[in-house]
C-alpha atoms as a PDB file:
ATOM      1  CA  MET A   1      12.106   7.184   2.743  1.00  0.00           C
ATOM      2  CA  VAL A   2       8.824   5.345   3.187  1.00  0.00           C
ATOM      3  CA  LYS A   3       8.509   1.900   1.615  1.00  0.00           C
ATOM      4  CA  ILE A   4       5.036   1.022   0.396  1.00  0.00           C
ATOM      5  CA  LYS A   5       4.118  -2.396  -0.949  1.00  0.00           C
ATOM      6  CA  VAL A   6       0.925  -3.162  -2.837  1.00  0.00           C
ATOM      7  CA  LEU A   7       0.152  -6.858  -2.529  1.00  0.00           C
ATOM      8  CA  GLY A   8      -1.902  -8.499  -5.261  1.00  0.00           C
ATOM      9  CA  PRO A   9      -1.859 -10.150  -8.669  1.00  0.00           C
ATOM     10  CA  GLY A  10      -2.294  -6.903 -10.600  1.00  0.00           C
ATOM     11  CA  CYS A  11      -6.083  -6.811 -10.745  1.00  0.00           C
ATOM     12  CA  PRO A  12      -8.026  -3.531 -11.132  1.00  0.00           C
ATOM     13  CA  ASN A  13      -8.431  -3.294  -7.341  1.00  0.00           C
ATOM     14  CA  CYS A  14      -4.671  -3.551  -6.881  1.00  0.00           C
ATOM     15  CA  GLU A  15      -4.195  -0.830  -9.477  1.00  0.00           C
ATOM     16  CA  LYS A  16      -6.598   1.430  -7.552  1.00  0.00           C
ATOM     17  CA  VAL A  17      -4.640   0.868  -4.345  1.00  0.00           C
ATOM     18  CA  GLU A  18      -1.435   1.795  -6.160  1.00  0.00           C
ATOM     19  CA  LEU A  19      -3.067   4.929  -7.615  1.00  0.00           C
ATOM     20  CA  HIS A  20      -4.409   6.031  -4.203  1.00  0.00           C
ATOM     21  CA  ASN A  21      -0.919   5.550  -2.736  1.00  0.00           C
ATOM     22  CA  SER A  22       0.711   7.618  -5.468  1.00  0.00           C
ATOM     23  CA  GLN A  23      -1.802  10.416  -4.947  1.00  0.00           C
ATOM     24  CA  ALA A  24      -1.372  10.381  -1.157  1.00  0.00           C
ATOM     25  CA  VAL A  25       2.423  10.477  -1.452  1.00  0.00           C
ATOM     26  CA  GLU A  26       2.250  13.350  -3.925  1.00  0.00           C
ATOM     27  CA  ASN A  27      -0.224  15.335  -1.806  1.00  0.00           C
ATOM     28  CA  LEU A  28       1.911  14.941   1.319  1.00  0.00           C
ATOM     29  CA  GLY A  29       5.103  15.746  -0.568  1.00  0.00           C
ATOM     30  CA  ILE A  30       7.045  12.858   0.951  1.00  0.00           C
ATOM     31  CA  GLU A  31       9.621  10.524  -0.529  1.00  0.00           C
ATOM     32  CA  ALA A  32       8.296   7.020  -0.954  1.00  0.00           C
ATOM     33  CA  GLU A  33       9.061   3.902  -2.913  1.00  0.00           C
ATOM     34  CA  ILE A  34       5.967   2.062  -4.110  1.00  0.00           C
ATOM     35  CA  ILE A  35       6.572  -1.586  -4.935  1.00  0.00           C
ATOM     36  CA  LYS A  36       4.076  -3.982  -6.500  1.00  0.00           C
ATOM     37  CA  ILE A  37       4.297  -7.505  -5.091  1.00  0.00           C
ATOM     38  CA  LYS A  38       2.563  -9.948  -7.446  1.00  0.00           C
ATOM     39  CA  GLU A  39       4.220 -13.260  -6.574  1.00  0.00           C
ATOM     40  CA  TYR A  40       2.042 -15.437  -4.350  1.00  0.00           C
ATOM     41  CA  ASP A  41       4.911 -16.658  -2.160  1.00  0.00           C
ATOM     42  CA  GLN A  42       5.980 -13.077  -1.425  1.00  0.00           C
ATOM     43  CA  ILE A  43       2.387 -12.004  -0.706  1.00  0.00           C
ATOM     44  CA  MET A  44       2.043 -14.854   1.786  1.00  0.00           C
ATOM     45  CA  GLU A  45       4.974 -13.486   3.820  1.00  0.00           C
ATOM     46  CA  TYR A  46       2.360 -11.130   5.311  1.00  0.00           C
ATOM     47  CA  PRO A  47      -0.717 -12.078   7.399  1.00  0.00           C
ATOM     48  CA  ILE A  48      -3.114 -11.520   4.500  1.00  0.00           C
ATOM     49  CA  LEU A  49      -6.140 -13.613   3.537  1.00  0.00           C
ATOM     50  CA  THR A  50      -7.375 -11.653   0.517  1.00  0.00           C
ATOM     51  CA  THR A  51      -5.897  -9.108  -1.833  1.00  0.00           C
ATOM     52  CA  PRO A  52      -5.360  -6.297  -2.341  1.00  0.00           C
ATOM     53  CA  GLY A  53      -3.055  -5.692   0.566  1.00  0.00           C
ATOM     54  CA  LEU A  54      -1.116  -2.631   1.620  1.00  0.00           C
ATOM     55  CA  VAL A  55       2.137  -2.665   3.573  1.00  0.00           C
ATOM     56  CA  ILE A  56       3.800   0.510   4.821  1.00  0.00           C
ATOM     57  CA  ASN A  57       7.340   0.146   6.186  1.00  0.00           C
ATOM     58  CA  ASP A  58       6.857  -3.631   6.504  1.00  0.00           C
ATOM     59  CA  LYS A  59       3.624  -3.299   8.496  1.00  0.00           C
ATOM     60  CA  LEU A  60       0.389  -4.616   6.979  1.00  0.00           C
ATOM     61  CA  VAL A  61      -2.099  -1.765   7.321  1.00  0.00           C
ATOM     62  CA  CYS A  62      -4.946  -2.993   5.108  1.00  0.00           C
ATOM     63  CA  SER A  63      -6.082  -6.116   3.268  1.00  0.00           C
ATOM     64  CA  GLY A  64      -9.108  -7.317   1.357  1.00  0.00           C
ATOM     65  CA  ARG A  65     -10.345  -3.857   0.399  1.00  0.00           C
ATOM     66  CA  ILE A  66      -9.365  -0.640  -1.341  1.00  0.00           C
ATOM     67  CA  PRO A  67      -8.367   1.998   1.218  1.00  0.00           C
ATOM     68  CA  SER A  68      -9.263   5.566   0.335  1.00  0.00           C
ATOM     69  CA  GLN A  69      -6.616   8.128  -0.459  1.00  0.00           C
ATOM     70  CA  ALA A  70      -7.541   9.896   2.807  1.00  0.00           C
ATOM     71  CA  GLU A  71      -6.933   6.723   4.837  1.00  0.00           C
ATOM     72  CA  ILE A  72      -3.561   6.215   3.212  1.00  0.00           C
ATOM     73  CA  SER A  73      -2.673   9.861   3.800  1.00  0.00           C
ATOM     74  CA  ASN A  74      -3.489   9.424   7.505  1.00  0.00           C
ATOM     75  CA  TRP A  75      -1.301   6.316   7.773  1.00  0.00           C
ATOM     76  CA  LEU A  76       1.569   8.085   6.028  1.00  0.00           C
ATOM     77  CA  ALA A  77       1.151  11.275   8.073  1.00  0.00           C
ATOM     78  CA  GLU A  78       1.621   9.232  11.263  1.00  0.00           C
ATOM     79  CA  LEU A  79       5.137   8.454  10.046  1.00  0.00           C
ATOM     80  CA  LEU A  80       6.106  12.094   9.570  1.00  0.00           C
ATOM     81  CA  PRO A  81       8.181  13.796  12.275  1.00  0.00           C
END
C-alpha cells in the first residue's frame, strides 16, 4: 500500500493537492492511504520551505505548488510493479 502525505495547514491549495491525489489513486486503481499533516513540527520533518507539500512513501516529491493529477499519477505509476 502506498502512503501519501499532504503537508500543509489545511488551506485551499492543500485541499486541491489532496483532491488531485484521490483522483490519481482512483484512476490508477491502487491502494493508498492519504494522510493530512497539519502540525508544523511534523511538516518540518521534511525538507520543505513552503506548503503545500506532497510526500509519497516518505519521499518529498513536491513542495510550494499544486502538482497536477497527471504529475501525481506519473509519480505513483513509477511505484507499480
